[in-house]
Amino acid sequence: MYFCSMKLTLAQMNPGRIGIVLDITPSHVSTKLLELGFVSGSEVEVVFQAPLKDPIAVDINGSIISLRLEEAATILIEEKFLL
């Protein structure tokens, strides 16, 4: 049993997957994302994806937040999973 990790954006994660926030790319929404709890080291889970994949709903710090894919693409995540 091995733990592997992969770096990707939150927009690339599939529902049910869990990752750790690494960084946020500066954008017009980066301050708001930080205020919502998307800080380095926070655990985030994608809980829902709309039929056309936009928007997504994520669980962070016990709160469900809806994000457009454009916003989620600014959040760098380290996804961890078992092999």
PDB file of N, CA and C in Angstrom:
ATOM      1  N   MET A   1       0.856  -1.173   0.000  1.00  0.00           N
ATOM      2  CA  MET A   1       0.000   0.000   0.000  1.00  0.00           C
ATOM      3  C   MET A   1       0.901   1.235   0.000  1.00  0.00           C
ATOM      4  N   TYR A   2       0.795   2.059  -1.022  1.00  0.00           N
ATOM      5  CA  TYR A   2       1.616   3.255  -1.162  1.00  0.00           C
ATOM      6  C   TYR A   2       0.726   4.478  -1.287  1.00  0.00           C
ATOM      7  N   PHE A   3       1.150   5.580  -0.681  1.00  0.00           N
ATOM      8  CA  PHE A   3       0.478   6.846  -0.853  1.00  0.00           C
ATOM      9  C   PHE A   3       1.176   7.588  -1.971  1.00  0.00           C
ATOM     10  N   CYS A   4       0.420   8.054  -2.915  1.00  0.00           N
ATOM     11  CA  CYS A   4       0.963   8.854  -3.996  1.00  0.00           C
ATOM     12  C   CYS A   4       0.281  10.213  -3.965  1.00  0.00           C
ATOM     13  N   SER A   5       0.934  11.179  -4.524  1.00  0.00           N
ATOM     14  CA  SER A   5       0.319  12.492  -4.618  1.00  0.00           C
ATOM     15  C   SER A   5       0.554  13.046  -6.007  1.00  0.00           C
ATOM     16  N   MET A   6      -0.363  13.905  -6.406  1.00  0.00           N
ATOM     17  CA  MET A   6      -0.277  14.508  -7.722  1.00  0.00           C
ATOM     18  C   MET A   6      -0.709  15.967  -7.589  1.00  0.00           C
ATOM     19  N   LYS A   7       0.019  16.868  -8.203  1.00  0.00           N
ATOM     20  CA  LYS A   7      -0.339  18.276  -8.158  1.00  0.00           C
ATOM     21  C   LYS A   7      -1.205  18.613  -9.361  1.00  0.00           C
ATOM     22  N   LEU A   8      -2.318  19.282  -9.105  1.00  0.00           N
ATOM     23  CA  LEU A   8      -3.244  19.698 -10.134  1.00  0.00           C
ATOM     24  C   LEU A   8      -4.058  20.860  -9.598  1.00  0.00           C
ATOM     25  N   THR A   9      -4.947  21.385 -10.412  1.00  0.00           N
ATOM     26  CA  THR A   9      -5.813  22.456  -9.930  1.00  0.00           C
ATOM     27  C   THR A   9      -7.105  21.850  -9.404  1.00  0.00           C
ATOM     28  N   LEU A  10      -7.806  22.614  -8.610  1.00  0.00           N
ATOM     29  CA  LEU A  10      -9.078  22.145  -8.064  1.00  0.00           C
ATOM     30  C   LEU A  10     -10.076  21.855  -9.180  1.00  0.00           C
ATOM     31  N   ALA A  11      -9.986  22.579 -10.280  1.00  0.00           N
ATOM     32  CA  ALA A  11     -10.879  22.360 -11.421  1.00  0.00           C
ATOM     33  C   ALA A  11     -10.663  20.994 -12.069  1.00  0.00           C
ATOM     34  N   GLN A  12      -9.496  20.397 -11.897  1.00  0.00           N
ATOM     35  CA  GLN A  12      -9.179  19.106 -12.513  1.00  0.00           C
ATOM     36  C   GLN A  12      -9.554  17.911 -11.643  1.00  0.00           C
ATOM     37  N   MET A  13      -9.933  18.159 -10.395  1.00  0.00           N
ATOM     38  CA  MET A  13     -10.268  17.056  -9.486  1.00  0.00           C
ATOM     39  C   MET A  13     -11.675  16.528  -9.760  1.00  0.00           C
ATOM     40  N   ASN A  14     -11.856  15.231  -9.564  1.00  0.00           N
ATOM     41  CA  ASN A  14     -13.152  14.590  -9.740  1.00  0.00           C
ATOM     42  C   ASN A  14     -13.908  14.535  -8.420  1.00  0.00           C
ATOM     43  N   PRO A  15     -15.248  14.453  -8.472  1.00  0.00           N
ATOM     44  CA  PRO A  15     -16.036  14.339  -7.241  1.00  0.00           C
ATOM     45  C   PRO A  15     -15.589  13.155  -6.392  1.00  0.00           C
ATOM     46  N   GLY A  16     -15.577  13.363  -5.078  1.00  0.00           N
ATOM     47  CA  GLY A  16     -15.173  12.321  -4.147  1.00  0.00           C
ATOM     48  C   GLY A  16     -13.690  12.325  -3.826  1.00  0.00           C
ATOM     49  N   ARG A  17     -12.921  13.117  -4.537  1.00  0.00           N
ATOM     50  CA  ARG A  17     -11.469  13.175  -4.313  1.00  0.00           C
ATOM     51  C   ARG A  17     -11.144  14.242  -3.273  1.00  0.00           C
ATOM     52  N   ILE A  18     -10.066  14.003  -2.532  1.00  0.00           N
ATOM     53  CA  ILE A  18      -9.634  14.908  -1.471  1.00  0.00           C
ATOM     54  C   ILE A  18      -8.213  15.370  -1.759  1.00  0.00           C
ATOM     55  N   GLY A  19      -7.959  16.630  -1.477  1.00  0.00           N
ATOM     56  CA  GLY A  19      -6.625  17.175  -1.682  1.00  0.00           C
ATOM     57  C   GLY A  19      -6.316  18.245  -0.648  1.00  0.00           C
ATOM     58  N   ILE A  20      -5.085  18.712  -0.689  1.00  0.00           N
ATOM     59  CA  ILE A  20      -4.600  19.749   0.206  1.00  0.00           C
ATOM     60  C   ILE A  20      -4.282  20.992  -0.629  1.00  0.00           C
ATOM     61  N   VAL A  21      -4.760  22.137  -0.186  1.00  0.00           N
ATOM     62  CA  VAL A  21      -4.492  23.395  -0.886  1.00  0.00           C
ATOM     63  C   VAL A  21      -3.007  23.728  -0.752  1.00  0.00           C
ATOM     64  N   LEU A  22      -2.359  23.993  -1.881  1.00  0.00           N
ATOM     65  CA  LEU A  22      -0.953  24.382  -1.891  1.00  0.00           C
ATOM     66  C   LEU A  22      -0.789  25.883  -2.087  1.00  0.00           C
ATOM     67  N   ASP A  23      -1.521  26.444  -3.046  1.00  0.00           N
ATOM     68  CA  ASP A  23      -1.334  27.855  -3.393  1.00  0.00           C
ATOM     69  C   ASP A  23      -2.521  28.333  -4.214  1.00  0.00           C
ATOM     70  N   ILE A  24      -2.658  29.650  -4.295  1.00  0.00           N
ATOM     71  CA  ILE A  24      -3.667  30.265  -5.150  1.00  0.00           C
ATOM     72  C   ILE A  24      -2.958  31.201  -6.110  1.00  0.00           C
ATOM     73  N   THR A  25      -3.239  31.051  -7.398  1.00  0.00           N
ATOM     74  CA  THR A  25      -2.690  31.936  -8.408  1.00  0.00           C
ATOM     75  C   THR A  25      -3.370  33.299  -8.290  1.00  0.00           C
ATOM     76  N   PRO A  26      -2.607  34.375  -8.267  1.00  0.00           N
ATOM     77  CA  PRO A  26      -3.230  35.697  -8.159  1.00  0.00           C
ATOM     78  C   PRO A  26      -4.237  35.943  -9.286  1.00  0.00           C
ATOM     79  N   SER A  27      -5.428  36.385  -8.904  1.00  0.00           N
ATOM     80  CA  SER A  27      -6.493  36.692  -9.866  1.00  0.00           C
ATOM     81  C   SER A  27      -7.456  37.674  -9.207  1.00  0.00           C
ATOM     82  N   HIS A  28      -8.525  37.997  -9.910  1.00  0.00           N
ATOM     83  CA  HIS A  28      -9.512  38.930  -9.370  1.00  0.00           C
ATOM     84  C   HIS A  28     -10.308  38.335  -8.204  1.00  0.00           C
ATOM     85  N   VAL A  29     -10.243  37.018  -8.003  1.00  0.00           N
ATOM     86  CA  VAL A  29     -10.989  36.378  -6.910  1.00  0.00           C
ATOM     87  C   VAL A  29     -10.082  35.784  -5.824  1.00  0.00           C
ATOM     88  N   SER A  30      -8.776  35.951  -5.947  1.00  0.00           N
ATOM     89  CA  SER A  30      -7.875  35.291  -4.994  1.00  0.00           C
ATOM     90  C   SER A  30      -8.081  35.758  -3.558  1.00  0.00           C
ATOM     91  N   THR A  31      -8.343  37.033  -3.339  1.00  0.00           N
ATOM     92  CA  THR A  31      -8.589  37.520  -1.978  1.00  0.00           C
ATOM     93  C   THR A  31      -9.855  36.899  -1.406  1.00  0.00           C
ATOM     94  N   LYS A  32     -10.891  36.816  -2.199  1.00  0.00           N
ATOM     95  CA  LYS A  32     -12.159  36.223  -1.744  1.00  0.00           C
ATOM     96  C   LYS A  32     -11.971  34.742  -1.426  1.00  0.00           C
ATOM     97  N   LEU A  33     -11.205  34.023  -2.236  1.00  0.00           N
ATOM     98  CA  LEU A  33     -10.946  32.605  -1.974  1.00  0.00           C
ATOM     99  C   LEU A  33     -10.206  32.417  -0.654  1.00  0.00           C
ATOM    100  N   LEU A  34      -9.250  33.282  -0.373  1.00  0.00           N
ATOM    101  CA  LEU A  34      -8.537  33.222   0.911  1.00  0.00           C
ATOM    102  C   LEU A  34      -9.500  33.463   2.070  1.00  0.00           C
ATOM    103  N   GLU A  35     -10.402  34.420   1.915  1.00  0.00           N
ATOM    104  CA  GLU A  35     -11.391  34.711   2.953  1.00  0.00           C
ATOM    105  C   GLU A  35     -12.332  33.532   3.182  1.00  0.00           C
ATOM    106  N   LEU A  36     -12.594  32.751   2.131  1.00  0.00           N
ATOM    107  CA  LEU A  36     -13.484  31.586   2.248  1.00  0.00           C
ATOM    108  C   LEU A  36     -12.783  30.373   2.862  1.00  0.00           C
ATOM    109  N   GLY A  37     -11.464  30.448   3.066  1.00  0.00           N
ATOM    110  CA  GLY A  37     -10.741  29.364   3.718  1.00  0.00           C
ATOM    111  C   GLY A  37      -9.787  28.584   2.840  1.00  0.00           C
ATOM    112  N   PHE A  38      -9.614  28.986   1.594  1.00  0.00           N
ATOM    113  CA  PHE A  38      -8.695  28.297   0.696  1.00  0.00           C
ATOM    114  C   PHE A  38      -7.263  28.753   0.967  1.00  0.00           C
ATOM    115  N   VAL A  39      -6.759  28.391   2.145  1.00  0.00           N
ATOM    116  CA  VAL A  39      -5.400  28.747   2.538  1.00  0.00           C
ATOM    117  C   VAL A  39      -4.521  27.506   2.467  1.00  0.00           C
ATOM    118  N   SER A  40      -3.233  27.722   2.310  1.00  0.00           N
ATOM    119  CA  SER A  40      -2.279  26.628   2.207  1.00  0.00           C
ATOM    120  C   SER A  40      -2.417  25.666   3.387  1.00  0.00           C
ATOM    121  N   GLY A  41      -2.529  24.369   3.087  1.00  0.00           N
ATOM    122  CA  GLY A  41      -2.635  23.340   4.111  1.00  0.00           C
ATOM    123  C   GLY A  41      -4.055  22.893   4.406  1.00  0.00           C
ATOM    124  N   SER A  42      -5.057  23.618   3.906  1.00  0.00           N
ATOM    125  CA  SER A  42      -6.454  23.235   4.140  1.00  0.00           C
ATOM    126  C   SER A  42      -6.836  22.035   3.280  1.00  0.00           C
ATOM    127  N   GLU A  43      -7.644  21.149   3.864  1.00  0.00           N
ATOM    128  CA  GLU A  43      -8.133  19.981   3.131  1.00  0.00           C
ATOM    129  C   GLU A  43      -9.411  20.354   2.396  1.00  0.00           C
ATOM    130  N   VAL A  44      -9.514  19.933   1.144  1.00  0.00           N
ATOM    131  CA  VAL A  44     -10.668  20.250   0.315  1.00  0.00           C
ATOM    132  C   VAL A  44     -11.134  18.986  -0.407  1.00  0.00           C
ATOM    133  N   GLU A  45     -12.460  18.822  -0.491  1.00  0.00           N
ATOM    134  CA  GLU A  45     -13.045  17.670  -1.186  1.00  0.00           C
ATOM    135  C   GLU A  45     -14.066  18.157  -2.197  1.00  0.00           C
ATOM    136  N   VAL A  46     -13.995  17.646  -3.406  1.00  0.00           N
ATOM    137  CA  VAL A  46     -15.012  17.956  -4.413  1.00  0.00           C
ATOM    138  C   VAL A  46     -16.217  17.059  -4.125  1.00  0.00           C
ATOM    139  N   VAL A  47     -17.366  17.674  -3.809  1.00  0.00           N
ATOM    140  CA  VAL A  47     -18.545  16.884  -3.444  1.00  0.00           C
ATOM    141  C   VAL A  47     -19.582  16.818  -4.553  1.00  0.00           C
ATOM    142  N   PHE A  48     -19.523  17.743  -5.518  1.00  0.00           N
ATOM    143  CA  PHE A  48     -20.521  17.744  -6.591  1.00  0.00           C
ATOM    144  C   PHE A  48     -19.949  18.432  -7.814  1.00  0.00           C
ATOM    145  N   GLN A  49     -20.352  17.923  -8.970  1.00  0.00           N
ATOM    146  CA  GLN A  49     -19.979  18.554 -10.238  1.00  0.00           C
ATOM    147  C   GLN A  49     -21.233  18.598 -11.099  1.00  0.00           C
ATOM    148  N   ALA A  50     -21.580  19.756 -11.609  1.00  0.00           N
ATOM    149  CA  ALA A  50     -22.771  19.903 -12.448  1.00  0.00           C
ATOM    150  C   ALA A  50     -22.637  19.037 -13.707  1.00  0.00           C
ATOM    151  N   PRO A  51     -23.754  18.695 -14.334  1.00  0.00           N
ATOM    152  CA  PRO A  51     -23.703  17.833 -15.520  1.00  0.00           C
ATOM    153  C   PRO A  51     -22.757  18.310 -16.624  1.00  0.00           C
ATOM    154  N   LEU A  52     -22.630  19.599 -16.808  1.00  0.00           N
ATOM    155  CA  LEU A  52     -21.708  20.115 -17.815  1.00  0.00           C
ATOM    156  C   LEU A  52     -20.361  20.486 -17.196  1.00  0.00           C
ATOM    157  N   LYS A  53     -20.100  19.996 -15.974  1.00  0.00           N
ATOM    158  CA  LYS A  53     -18.846  20.148 -15.225  1.00  0.00           C
ATOM    159  C   LYS A  53     -18.615  21.548 -14.660  1.00  0.00           C
ATOM    160  N   ASP A  54     -19.553  22.437 -14.804  1.00  0.00           N
ATOM    161  CA  ASP A  54     -19.390  23.786 -14.274  1.00  0.00           C
ATOM    162  C   ASP A  54     -20.743  24.267 -13.771  1.00  0.00           C
ATOM    163  N   PRO A  55     -20.884  24.611 -12.506  1.00  0.00           N
ATOM    164  CA  PRO A  55     -19.890  24.770 -11.457  1.00  0.00           C
ATOM    165  C   PRO A  55     -19.623  23.469 -10.693  1.00  0.00           C
ATOM    166  N   ILE A  56     -18.729  23.572  -9.701  1.00  0.00           N
ATOM    167  CA  ILE A  56     -18.472  22.458  -8.790  1.00  0.00           C
ATOM    168  C   ILE A  56     -18.767  22.926  -7.371  1.00  0.00           C
ATOM    169  N   ALA A  57     -19.035  21.973  -6.493  1.00  0.00           N
ATOM    170  CA  ALA A  57     -19.221  22.272  -5.071  1.00  0.00           C
ATOM    171  C   ALA A  57     -18.119  21.554  -4.314  1.00  0.00           C
ATOM    172  N   VAL A  58     -17.490  22.261  -3.379  1.00  0.00           N
ATOM    173  CA  VAL A  58     -16.398  21.686  -2.608  1.00  0.00           C
ATOM    174  C   VAL A  58     -16.669  21.869  -1.118  1.00  0.00           C
ATOM    175  N   ASP A  59     -16.152  20.930  -0.340  1.00  0.00           N
ATOM    176  CA  ASP A  59     -16.229  21.013   1.119  1.00  0.00           C
ATOM    177  C   ASP A  59     -14.861  21.451   1.624  1.00  0.00           C
ATOM    178  N   ILE A  60     -14.820  22.595   2.278  1.00  0.00           N
ATOM    179  CA  ILE A  60     -13.592  23.080   2.879  1.00  0.00           C
ATOM    180  C   ILE A  60     -13.915  23.602   4.272  1.00  0.00           C
ATOM    181  N   ASN A  61     -13.236  23.059   5.260  1.00  0.00           N
ATOM    182  CA  ASN A  61     -13.446  23.436   6.655  1.00  0.00           C
ATOM    183  C   ASN A  61     -14.901  23.293   7.086  1.00  0.00           C
ATOM    184  N   GLY A  62     -15.602  22.288   6.556  1.00  0.00           N
ATOM    185  CA  GLY A  62     -16.981  22.029   6.944  1.00  0.00           C
ATOM    186  C   GLY A  62     -18.010  22.885   6.231  1.00  0.00           C
ATOM    187  N   SER A  63     -17.592  23.720   5.310  1.00  0.00           N
ATOM    188  CA  SER A  63     -18.510  24.559   4.537  1.00  0.00           C
ATOM    189  C   SER A  63     -18.538  24.089   3.092  1.00  0.00           C
ATOM    190  N   ILE A  64     -19.723  24.094   2.496  1.00  0.00           N
ATOM    191  CA  ILE A  64     -19.859  23.747   1.083  1.00  0.00           C
ATOM    192  C   ILE A  64     -19.839  25.050   0.290  1.00  0.00           C
ATOM    193  N   ILE A  65     -18.886  25.137  -0.634  1.00  0.00           N
ATOM    194  CA  ILE A  65     -18.695  26.332  -1.450  1.00  0.00           C
ATOM    195  C   ILE A  65     -18.868  25.946  -2.920  1.00  0.00           C
ATOM    196  N   SER A  66     -19.628  26.744  -3.654  1.00  0.00           N
ATOM    197  CA  SER A  66     -19.789  26.535  -5.089  1.00  0.00           C
ATOM    198  C   SER A  66     -18.809  27.443  -5.825  1.00  0.00           C
ATOM    199  N   LEU A  67     -18.081  26.857  -6.768  1.00  0.00           N
ATOM    200  CA  LEU A  67     -17.081  27.606  -7.536  1.00  0.00           C
ATOM    201  C   LEU A  67     -17.256  27.361  -9.024  1.00  0.00           C
ATOM    202  N   ARG A  68     -17.040  28.395  -9.801  1.00  0.00           N
ATOM    203  CA  ARG A  68     -16.952  28.216 -11.250  1.00  0.00           C
ATOM    204  C   ARG A  68     -15.606  27.548 -11.550  1.00  0.00           C
ATOM    205  N   LEU A  69     -15.522  26.851 -12.663  1.00  0.00           N
ATOM    206  CA  LEU A  69     -14.260  26.208 -13.028  1.00  0.00           C
ATOM    207  C   LEU A  69     -13.148  27.234 -13.219  1.00  0.00           C
ATOM    208  N   GLU A  70     -13.490  28.408 -13.700  1.00  0.00           N
ATOM    209  CA  GLU A  70     -12.509  29.483 -13.868  1.00  0.00           C
ATOM    210  C   GLU A  70     -11.872  29.849 -12.525  1.00  0.00           C
ATOM    211  N   GLU A  71     -12.680  29.890 -11.467  1.00  0.00           N
ATOM    212  CA  GLU A  71     -12.172  30.197 -10.127  1.00  0.00           C
ATOM    213  C   GLU A  71     -11.384  29.020  -9.562  1.00  0.00           C
ATOM    214  N   ALA A  72     -11.922  27.808  -9.731  1.00  0.00           N
ATOM    215  CA  ALA A  72     -11.269  26.607  -9.209  1.00  0.00           C
ATOM    216  C   ALA A  72      -9.918  26.360  -9.878  1.00  0.00           C
ATOM    217  N   ALA A  73      -9.759  26.821 -11.103  1.00  0.00           N
ATOM    218  CA  ALA A  73      -8.497  26.628 -11.832  1.00  0.00           C
ATOM    219  C   ALA A  73      -7.360  27.449 -11.242  1.00  0.00           C
ATOM    220  N   THR A  74      -7.663  28.414 -10.381  1.00  0.00           N
ATOM    221  CA  THR A  74      -6.620  29.231  -9.764  1.00  0.00           C
ATOM    222  C   THR A  74      -6.084  28.617  -8.472  1.00  0.00           C
ATOM    223  N   ILE A  75      -6.689  27.510  -8.019  1.00  0.00           N
ATOM    224  CA  ILE A  75      -6.308  26.888  -6.749  1.00  0.00           C
ATOM    225  C   ILE A  75      -5.484  25.636  -7.026  1.00  0.00           C
ATOM    226  N   LEU A  76      -4.222  25.657  -6.619  1.00  0.00           N
ATOM    227  CA  LEU A  76      -3.326  24.515  -6.801  1.00  0.00           C
ATOM    228  C   LEU A  76      -3.508  23.544  -5.636  1.00  0.00           C
ATOM    229  N   ILE A  77      -3.712  22.275  -5.967  1.00  0.00           N
ATOM    230  CA  ILE A  77      -4.026  21.229  -5.001  1.00  0.00           C
ATOM    231  C   ILE A  77      -3.013  20.095  -5.113  1.00  0.00           C
ATOM    232  N   GLU A  78      -2.737  19.449  -3.989  1.00  0.00           N
ATOM    233  CA  GLU A  78      -1.984  18.199  -3.998  1.00  0.00           C
ATOM    234  C   GLU A  78      -2.990  17.104  -3.638  1.00  0.00           C
ATOM    235  N   GLU A  79      -3.345  16.308  -4.632  1.00  0.00           N
ATOM    236  CA  GLU A  79      -4.310  15.221  -4.431  1.00  0.00           C
ATOM    237  C   GLU A  79      -3.557  13.977  -3.950  1.00  0.00           C
ATOM    238  N   LYS A  80      -4.073  13.341  -2.911  1.00  0.00           N
ATOM    239  CA  LYS A  80      -3.425  12.145  -2.382  1.00  0.00           C
ATOM    240  C   LYS A  80      -4.354  10.951  -2.572  1.00  0.00           C
ATOM    241  N   PHE A  81      -3.754   9.822  -2.915  1.00  0.00           N
ATOM    242  CA  PHE A  81      -4.531   8.609  -3.111  1.00  0.00           C
ATOM    243  C   PHE A  81      -3.656   7.390  -2.898  1.00  0.00           C
ATOM    244  N   LEU A  82      -4.298   6.240  -2.719  1.00  0.00           N
ATOM    245  CA  LEU A  82      -3.601   4.974  -2.513  1.00  0.00           C
ATOM    246  C   LEU A  82      -3.422   4.254  -3.830  1.00  0.00           C
ATOM    247  N   LEU A  83      -2.319   3.556  -3.950  1.00  0.00           N
ATOM    248  CA  LEU A  83      -2.100   2.705  -5.125  1.00  0.00           C
ATOM    249  C   LEU A  83      -2.386   1.281  -4.772  1.00  0.00           C
TER     250      LEU A  83
END
